[in-house]
């Protein structure tokens, strides 16, 4: 018993003569693709918003660490002045 591997391309080539879509089926597929593209656009918008939020967050963190470093420097200088 031998088994031949079937690729998607082979399967489509065999099935394509049998595929006859009606106008309604084509419209349904087009509508489905439209909704799919809309959902992809929404996902891209959300990802872009997240990237912008991360950039603002990292800038905020950098300012915070700068303030902490300045505070630590002043504290170290005060400590050295006392000794």
PDB file of N, CA and C in Angstrom:
ATOM      1  N   UNK A   1       0.836  -1.172   0.000  1.00  0.00           N
ATOM      2  CA  UNK A   1       0.000   0.000   0.000  1.00  0.00           C
ATOM      3  C   UNK A   1       0.887   1.243   0.000  1.00  0.00           C
ATOM      4  N   UNK A   2       0.705   2.114  -0.965  1.00  0.00           N
ATOM      5  CA  UNK A   2       1.493   3.332  -1.014  1.00  0.00           C
ATOM      6  C   UNK A   2       0.564   4.544  -0.895  1.00  0.00           C
ATOM      7  N   UNK A   3       1.110   5.564  -0.270  1.00  0.00           N
ATOM      8  CA  UNK A   3       0.335   6.779  -0.064  1.00  0.00           C
ATOM      9  C   UNK A   3       1.085   7.932  -0.706  1.00  0.00           C
ATOM     10  N   UNK A   4       0.384   8.695  -1.528  1.00  0.00           N
ATOM     11  CA  UNK A   4       1.002   9.850  -2.158  1.00  0.00           C
ATOM     12  C   UNK A   4       0.701  11.094  -1.341  1.00  0.00           C
ATOM     13  N   UNK A   5       1.715  11.901  -1.070  1.00  0.00           N
ATOM     14  CA  UNK A   5       1.432  13.152  -0.367  1.00  0.00           C
ATOM     15  C   UNK A   5       0.660  14.106  -1.277  1.00  0.00           C
ATOM     16  N   UNK A   6      -0.334  14.746  -0.706  1.00  0.00           N
ATOM     17  CA  UNK A   6      -1.148  15.684  -1.471  1.00  0.00           C
ATOM     18  C   UNK A   6      -0.929  17.076  -0.905  1.00  0.00           C
ATOM     19  N   UNK A   7      -0.473  17.974  -1.739  1.00  0.00           N
ATOM     20  CA  UNK A   7      -0.279  19.355  -1.296  1.00  0.00           C
ATOM     21  C   UNK A   7      -1.576  20.131  -1.514  1.00  0.00           C
ATOM     22  N   UNK A   8      -1.648  21.286  -0.908  1.00  0.00           N
ATOM     23  CA  UNK A   8      -2.826  22.134  -1.072  1.00  0.00           C
ATOM     24  C   UNK A   8      -3.004  22.524  -2.530  1.00  0.00           C
ATOM     25  N   UNK A   9      -1.889  22.739  -3.220  1.00  0.00           N
ATOM     26  CA  UNK A   9      -1.946  23.111  -4.634  1.00  0.00           C
ATOM     27  C   UNK A   9      -2.551  21.979  -5.467  1.00  0.00           C
ATOM     28  N   UNK A  10      -2.132  20.747  -5.179  1.00  0.00           N
ATOM     29  CA  UNK A  10      -2.687  19.589  -5.889  1.00  0.00           C
ATOM     30  C   UNK A  10      -4.180  19.450  -5.611  1.00  0.00           C
ATOM     31  N   UNK A  11      -4.548  19.635  -4.363  1.00  0.00           N
ATOM     32  CA  UNK A  11      -5.943  19.503  -3.973  1.00  0.00           C
ATOM     33  C   UNK A  11      -6.799  20.551  -4.684  1.00  0.00           C
ATOM     34  N   UNK A  12      -6.315  21.788  -4.712  1.00  0.00           N
ATOM     35  CA  UNK A  12      -7.061  22.854  -5.377  1.00  0.00           C
ATOM     36  C   UNK A  12      -7.159  22.595  -6.880  1.00  0.00           C
ATOM     37  N   UNK A  13      -6.095  22.063  -7.466  1.00  0.00           N
ATOM     38  CA  UNK A  13      -6.123  21.772  -8.895  1.00  0.00           C
ATOM     39  C   UNK A  13      -7.170  20.710  -9.207  1.00  0.00           C
ATOM     40  N   UNK A  14      -7.307  19.727  -8.337  1.00  0.00           N
ATOM     41  CA  UNK A  14      -8.309  18.683  -8.534  1.00  0.00           C
ATOM     42  C   UNK A  14      -9.718  19.203  -8.298  1.00  0.00           C
ATOM     43  N   UNK A  15      -9.871  20.108  -7.329  1.00  0.00           N
ATOM     44  CA  UNK A  15     -11.193  20.563  -6.931  1.00  0.00           C
ATOM     45  C   UNK A  15     -11.691  21.757  -7.757  1.00  0.00           C
ATOM     46  N   UNK A  16     -10.802  22.497  -8.399  1.00  0.00           N
ATOM     47  CA  UNK A  16     -11.209  23.731  -9.071  1.00  0.00           C
ATOM     48  C   UNK A  16     -12.249  23.535 -10.172  1.00  0.00           C
ATOM     49  N   UNK A  17     -12.203  22.493 -11.004  1.00  0.00           N
ATOM     50  CA  UNK A  17     -13.254  22.361 -12.019  1.00  0.00           C
ATOM     51  C   UNK A  17     -14.637  22.149 -11.396  1.00  0.00           C
ATOM     52  N   UNK A  18     -14.679  21.587 -10.206  1.00  0.00           N
ATOM     53  CA  UNK A  18     -15.958  21.304  -9.567  1.00  0.00           C
ATOM     54  C   UNK A  18     -16.515  22.517  -8.831  1.00  0.00           C
ATOM     55  N   UNK A  19     -15.668  23.517  -8.568  1.00  0.00           N
ATOM     56  CA  UNK A  19     -16.115  24.680  -7.822  1.00  0.00           C
ATOM     57  C   UNK A  19     -16.872  25.633  -8.730  1.00  0.00           C
ATOM     58  N   UNK A  20     -18.128  25.801  -8.468  1.00  0.00           N
ATOM     59  CA  UNK A  20     -18.940  26.772  -9.174  1.00  0.00           C
ATOM     60  C   UNK A  20     -19.700  27.546  -8.111  1.00  0.00           C
ATOM     61  N   UNK A  21     -19.253  28.759  -7.844  1.00  0.00           N
ATOM     62  CA  UNK A  21     -19.873  29.564  -6.804  1.00  0.00           C
ATOM     63  C   UNK A  21     -21.023  30.368  -7.387  1.00  0.00           C
ATOM     64  N   UNK A  22     -22.065  30.463  -6.593  1.00  0.00           N
ATOM     65  CA  UNK A  22     -23.188  31.299  -7.006  1.00  0.00           C
ATOM     66  C   UNK A  22     -22.882  32.744  -6.644  1.00  0.00           C
ATOM     67  N   UNK A  23     -23.689  33.647  -7.160  1.00  0.00           N
ATOM     68  CA  UNK A  23     -23.502  35.067  -6.891  1.00  0.00           C
ATOM     69  C   UNK A  23     -23.634  35.343  -5.401  1.00  0.00           C
ATOM     70  N   UNK A  24     -24.577  34.680  -4.748  1.00  0.00           N
ATOM     71  CA  UNK A  24     -24.784  34.858  -3.308  1.00  0.00           C
ATOM     72  C   UNK A  24     -23.569  34.401  -2.521  1.00  0.00           C
ATOM     73  N   UNK A  25     -22.996  33.266  -2.900  1.00  0.00           N
ATOM     74  CA  UNK A  25     -21.810  32.760  -2.211  1.00  0.00           C
ATOM     75  C   UNK A  25     -20.623  33.711  -2.386  1.00  0.00           C
ATOM     76  N   UNK A  26     -20.494  34.269  -3.573  1.00  0.00           N
ATOM     77  CA  UNK A  26     -19.403  35.217  -3.818  1.00  0.00           C
ATOM     78  C   UNK A  26     -19.590  36.459  -2.965  1.00  0.00           C
ATOM     79  N   UNK A  27     -20.821  36.958  -2.882  1.00  0.00           N
ATOM     80  CA  UNK A  27     -21.102  38.133  -2.051  1.00  0.00           C
ATOM     81  C   UNK A  27     -20.820  37.842  -0.581  1.00  0.00           C
ATOM     82  N   UNK A  28     -21.202  36.647  -0.120  1.00  0.00           N
ATOM     83  CA  UNK A  28     -20.946  36.266   1.276  1.00  0.00           C
ATOM     84  C   UNK A  28     -19.453  36.208   1.553  1.00  0.00           C
ATOM     85  N   UNK A  29     -18.694  35.644   0.629  1.00  0.00           N
ATOM     86  CA  UNK A  29     -17.243  35.561   0.797  1.00  0.00           C
ATOM     87  C   UNK A  29     -16.642  36.962   0.811  1.00  0.00           C
ATOM     88  N   UNK A  30     -17.106  37.833  -0.099  1.00  0.00           N
ATOM     89  CA  UNK A  30     -16.599  39.205  -0.148  1.00  0.00           C
ATOM     90  C   UNK A  30     -16.902  39.933   1.157  1.00  0.00           C
ATOM     91  N   UNK A  31     -18.107  39.741   1.681  1.00  0.00           N
ATOM     92  CA  UNK A  31     -18.476  40.391   2.939  1.00  0.00           C
ATOM     93  C   UNK A  31     -17.618  39.866   4.086  1.00  0.00           C
ATOM     94  N   UNK A  32     -17.369  38.553   4.096  1.00  0.00           N
ATOM     95  CA  UNK A  32     -16.527  37.965   5.128  1.00  0.00           C
ATOM     96  C   UNK A  32     -15.111  38.545   5.052  1.00  0.00           C
ATOM     97  N   UNK A  33     -14.580  38.675   3.833  1.00  0.00           N
ATOM     98  CA  UNK A  33     -13.239  39.236   3.671  1.00  0.00           C
ATOM     99  C   UNK A  33     -13.205  40.695   4.108  1.00  0.00           C
ATOM    100  N   UNK A  34     -14.273  41.427   3.874  1.00  0.00           N
ATOM    101  CA  UNK A  34     -14.349  42.818   4.302  1.00  0.00           C
ATOM    102  C   UNK A  34     -14.273  42.907   5.824  1.00  0.00           C
ATOM    103  N   UNK A  35     -15.057  42.068   6.518  1.00  0.00           N
ATOM    104  CA  UNK A  35     -15.016  42.069   7.981  1.00  0.00           C
ATOM    105  C   UNK A  35     -13.647  41.638   8.501  1.00  0.00           C
ATOM    106  N   UNK A  36     -13.029  40.693   7.811  1.00  0.00           N
ATOM    107  CA  UNK A  36     -11.696  40.242   8.212  1.00  0.00           C
ATOM    108  C   UNK A  36     -10.683  41.378   8.076  1.00  0.00           C
ATOM    109  N   UNK A  37     -10.768  42.128   6.982  1.00  0.00           N
ATOM    110  CA  UNK A  37      -9.859  43.255   6.782  1.00  0.00           C
ATOM    111  C   UNK A  37     -10.113  44.352   7.812  1.00  0.00           C
ATOM    112  N   UNK A  38     -11.374  44.589   8.149  1.00  0.00           N
ATOM    113  CA  UNK A  38     -11.687  45.568   9.189  1.00  0.00           C
ATOM    114  C   UNK A  38     -11.101  45.157  10.536  1.00  0.00           C
ATOM    115  N   UNK A  39     -11.206  43.883  10.856  1.00  0.00           N
ATOM    116  CA  UNK A  39     -10.651  43.429  12.135  1.00  0.00           C
ATOM    117  C   UNK A  39      -9.126  43.553  12.137  1.00  0.00           C
ATOM    118  N   UNK A  40      -8.482  43.288  10.996  1.00  0.00           N
ATOM    119  CA  UNK A  40      -7.026  43.470  10.915  1.00  0.00           C
ATOM    120  C   UNK A  40      -6.641  44.933  11.094  1.00  0.00           C
ATOM    121  N   UNK A  41      -7.437  45.824  10.500  1.00  0.00           N
ATOM    122  CA  UNK A  41      -7.162  47.256  10.646  1.00  0.00           C
ATOM    123  C   UNK A  41      -7.304  47.674  12.112  1.00  0.00           C
ATOM    124  N   UNK A  42      -8.306  47.163  12.783  1.00  0.00           N
ATOM    125  CA  UNK A  42      -8.481  47.480  14.214  1.00  0.00           C
ATOM    126  C   UNK A  42      -7.309  46.970  15.031  1.00  0.00           C
ATOM    127  N   UNK A  43      -6.855  45.771  14.725  1.00  0.00           N
ATOM    128  CA  UNK A  43      -5.716  45.199  15.445  1.00  0.00           C
ATOM    129  C   UNK A  43      -4.471  46.056  15.214  1.00  0.00           C
ATOM    130  N   UNK A  44      -4.253  46.493  13.957  1.00  0.00           N
ATOM    131  CA  UNK A  44      -3.096  47.364  13.672  1.00  0.00           C
ATOM    132  C   UNK A  44      -3.190  48.669  14.458  1.00  0.00           C
ATOM    133  N   UNK A  45      -4.397  49.252  14.524  1.00  0.00           N
ATOM    134  CA  UNK A  45      -4.578  50.488  15.286  1.00  0.00           C
ATOM    135  C   UNK A  45      -4.271  50.272  16.759  1.00  0.00           C
ATOM    136  N   UNK A  46      -4.756  49.157  17.309  1.00  0.00           N
ATOM    137  CA  UNK A  46      -4.486  48.861  18.722  1.00  0.00           C
ATOM    138  C   UNK A  46      -2.994  48.680  18.969  1.00  0.00           C
ATOM    139  N   UNK A  47      -2.321  47.948  18.076  1.00  0.00           N
ATOM    140  CA  UNK A  47      -0.884  47.743  18.236  1.00  0.00           C
ATOM    141  C   UNK A  47      -0.122  49.057  18.165  1.00  0.00           C
ATOM    142  N   UNK A  48      -0.550  49.940  17.274  1.00  0.00           N
ATOM    143  CA  UNK A  48       0.095  51.248  17.158  1.00  0.00           C
ATOM    144  C   UNK A  48      -0.098  52.058  18.440  1.00  0.00           C
ATOM    145  N   UNK A  49      -1.300  51.992  19.000  1.00  0.00           N
ATOM    146  CA  UNK A  49      -1.565  52.682  20.263  1.00  0.00           C
ATOM    147  C   UNK A  49      -0.718  52.140  21.394  1.00  0.00           C
ATOM    148  N   UNK A  50      -0.552  50.829  21.433  1.00  0.00           N
ATOM    149  CA  UNK A  50       0.266  50.209  22.480  1.00  0.00           C
ATOM    150  C   UNK A  50       1.722  50.645  22.339  1.00  0.00           C
ATOM    151  N   UNK A  51       2.222  50.693  21.085  1.00  0.00           N
ATOM    152  CA  UNK A  51       3.605  51.144  20.868  1.00  0.00           C
ATOM    153  C   UNK A  51       3.805  52.574  21.358  1.00  0.00           C
ATOM    154  N   UNK A  52       2.833  53.434  21.055  1.00  0.00           N
ATOM    155  CA  UNK A  52       2.936  54.832  21.497  1.00  0.00           C
ATOM    156  C   UNK A  52       2.893  54.918  23.018  1.00  0.00           C
ATOM    157  N   UNK A  53       2.042  54.105  23.621  1.00  0.00           N
ATOM    158  CA  UNK A  53       1.933  54.116  25.079  1.00  0.00           C
ATOM    159  C   UNK A  53       3.229  53.620  25.719  1.00  0.00           C
ATOM    160  N   UNK A  54       3.828  52.602  25.122  1.00  0.00           N
ATOM    161  CA  UNK A  54       5.102  52.096  25.651  1.00  0.00           C
ATOM    162  C   UNK A  54       6.192  53.156  25.551  1.00  0.00           C
ATOM    163  N   UNK A  55       6.203  53.895  24.444  1.00  0.00           N
ATOM    164  CA  UNK A  55       7.212  54.943  24.273  1.00  0.00           C
ATOM    165  C   UNK A  55       7.041  56.012  25.347  1.00  0.00           C
ATOM    166  N   UNK A  56       5.788  56.412  25.606  1.00  0.00           N
ATOM    167  CA  UNK A  56       5.553  57.399  26.664  1.00  0.00           C
ATOM    168  C   UNK A  56       5.943  56.843  28.020  1.00  0.00           C
ATOM    169  N   UNK A  57       5.633  55.564  28.244  1.00  0.00           N
ATOM    170  CA  UNK A  57       5.971  54.937  29.521  1.00  0.00           C
ATOM    171  C   UNK A  57       7.461  54.849  29.741  1.00  0.00           C
ATOM    172  N   UNK A  58       8.212  54.530  28.687  1.00  0.00           N
ATOM    173  CA  UNK A  58       9.669  54.428  28.843  1.00  0.00           C
ATOM    174  C   UNK A  58      10.280  55.804  29.077  1.00  0.00           C
ATOM    175  N   UNK A  59       9.709  56.845  28.447  1.00  0.00           N
ATOM    176  CA  UNK A  59      10.209  58.205  28.691  1.00  0.00           C
ATOM    177  C   UNK A  59       9.930  58.603  30.136  1.00  0.00           C
ATOM    178  N   UNK A  60       8.760  58.241  30.627  1.00  0.00           N
ATOM    179  CA  UNK A  60       8.405  58.538  32.017  1.00  0.00           C
ATOM    180  C   UNK A  60       9.344  57.808  32.974  1.00  0.00           C
ATOM    181  N   UNK A  61       9.642  56.548  32.663  1.00  0.00           N
ATOM    182  CA  UNK A  61      10.557  55.777  33.508  1.00  0.00           C
ATOM    183  C   UNK A  61      11.957  56.390  33.495  1.00  0.00           C
ATOM    184  N   UNK A  62      12.392  56.866  32.327  1.00  0.00           N
ATOM    185  CA  UNK A  62      13.722  57.484  32.235  1.00  0.00           C
ATOM    186  C   UNK A  62      13.787  58.741  33.105  1.00  0.00           C
ATOM    187  N   UNK A  63      12.728  59.564  33.056  1.00  0.00           N
ATOM    188  CA  UNK A  63      12.708  60.769  33.906  1.00  0.00           C
ATOM    189  C   UNK A  63      12.724  60.382  35.380  1.00  0.00           C
ATOM    190  N   UNK A  64      11.960  59.357  35.734  1.00  0.00           N
ATOM    191  CA  UNK A  64      11.912  58.915  37.127  1.00  0.00           C
ATOM    192  C   UNK A  64      13.292  58.460  37.596  1.00  0.00           C
ATOM    193  N   UNK A  65      13.979  57.642  36.781  1.00  0.00           N
ATOM    194  CA  UNK A  65      15.294  57.153  37.184  1.00  0.00           C
ATOM    195  C   UNK A  65      16.322  58.280  37.227  1.00  0.00           C
ATOM    196  N   UNK A  66      16.149  59.299  36.384  1.00  0.00           N
ATOM    197  CA  UNK A  66      17.043  60.458  36.441  1.00  0.00           C
ATOM    198  C   UNK A  66      16.872  61.172  37.771  1.00  0.00           C
ATOM    199  N   UNK A  67      15.611  61.345  38.194  1.00  0.00           N
ATOM    200  CA  UNK A  67      15.362  61.986  39.487  1.00  0.00           C
ATOM    201  C   UNK A  67      15.934  61.156  40.634  1.00  0.00           C
ATOM    202  N   UNK A  68      15.776  59.855  40.576  1.00  0.00           N
ATOM    203  CA  UNK A  68      16.304  58.975  41.631  1.00  0.00           C
ATOM    204  C   UNK A  68      17.825  59.074  41.663  1.00  0.00           C
ATOM    205  N   UNK A  69      18.466  59.099  40.486  1.00  0.00           N
ATOM    206  CA  UNK A  69      19.928  59.196  40.426  1.00  0.00           C
ATOM    207  C   UNK A  69      20.409  60.517  41.020  1.00  0.00           C
ATOM    208  N   UNK A  70      19.692  61.630  40.686  1.00  0.00           N
ATOM    209  CA  UNK A  70      20.067  62.932  41.268  1.00  0.00           C
ATOM    210  C   UNK A  70      19.934  62.907  42.786  1.00  0.00           C
ATOM    211  N   UNK A  71      18.833  62.335  43.265  1.00  0.00           N
ATOM    212  CA  UNK A  71      18.606  62.252  44.716  1.00  0.00           C
ATOM    213  C   UNK A  71      19.724  61.437  45.372  1.00  0.00           C
ATOM    214  N   UNK A  72      20.080  60.291  44.748  1.00  0.00           N
ATOM    215  CA  UNK A  72      21.121  59.431  45.311  1.00  0.00           C
ATOM    216  C   UNK A  72      22.472  60.145  45.314  1.00  0.00           C
ATOM    217  N   UNK A  73      22.752  60.921  44.268  1.00  0.00           N
ATOM    218  CA  UNK A  73      24.008  61.671  44.206  1.00  0.00           C
ATOM    219  C   UNK A  73      24.081  62.706  45.325  1.00  0.00           C
ATOM    220  N   UNK A  74      22.999  63.467  45.513  1.00  0.00           N
ATOM    221  CA  UNK A  74      22.966  64.471  46.579  1.00  0.00           C
ATOM    222  C   UNK A  74      23.113  63.819  47.948  1.00  0.00           C
ATOM    223  N   UNK A  75      22.446  62.700  48.131  1.00  0.00           N
ATOM    224  CA  UNK A  75      22.529  62.003  49.419  1.00  0.00           C
ATOM    225  C   UNK A  75      23.949  61.507  49.681  1.00  0.00           C
ATOM    226  N   UNK A  76      24.595  60.969  48.632  1.00  0.00           N
ATOM    227  CA  UNK A  76      25.972  60.485  48.782  1.00  0.00           C
ATOM    228  C   UNK A  76      26.910  61.643  49.105  1.00  0.00           C
ATOM    229  N   UNK A  77      26.692  62.803  48.451  1.00  0.00           N
ATOM    230  CA  UNK A  77      27.539  63.963  48.745  1.00  0.00           C
ATOM    231  C   UNK A  77      27.346  64.424  50.183  1.00  0.00           C
ATOM    232  N   UNK A  78      26.099  64.447  50.646  1.00  0.00           N
ATOM    233  CA  UNK A  78      25.850  64.841  52.035  1.00  0.00           C
ATOM    234  C   UNK A  78      26.510  63.882  53.014  1.00  0.00           C
ATOM    235  N   UNK A  79      26.447  62.608  52.682  1.00  0.00           N
ATOM    236  CA  UNK A  79      27.045  61.599  53.559  1.00  0.00           C
ATOM    237  C   UNK A  79      28.567  61.780  53.613  1.00  0.00           C
ATOM    238  N   UNK A  80      29.188  62.061  52.455  1.00  0.00           N
ATOM    239  CA  UNK A  80      30.635  62.263  52.421  1.00  0.00           C
ATOM    240  C   UNK A  80      31.019  63.538  53.157  1.00  0.00           C
ATOM    241  N   UNK A  81      30.196  64.579  53.115  1.00  0.00           N
ATOM    242  CA  UNK A  81      30.490  65.817  53.817  1.00  0.00           C
ATOM    243  C   UNK A  81      30.450  65.612  55.323  1.00  0.00           C
ATOM    244  N   UNK A  82      29.610  64.718  55.783  1.00  0.00           N
ATOM    245  CA  UNK A  82      29.503  64.473  57.223  1.00  0.00           C
ATOM    246  C   UNK A  82      30.713  63.714  57.751  1.00  0.00           C
ATOM    247  N   UNK A  83      31.339  62.927  56.927  1.00  0.00           N
ATOM    248  CA  UNK A  83      32.483  62.125  57.396  1.00  0.00           C
ATOM    249  C   UNK A  83      33.760  62.816  57.215  1.00  0.00           C
TER     250      UNK A  83
END
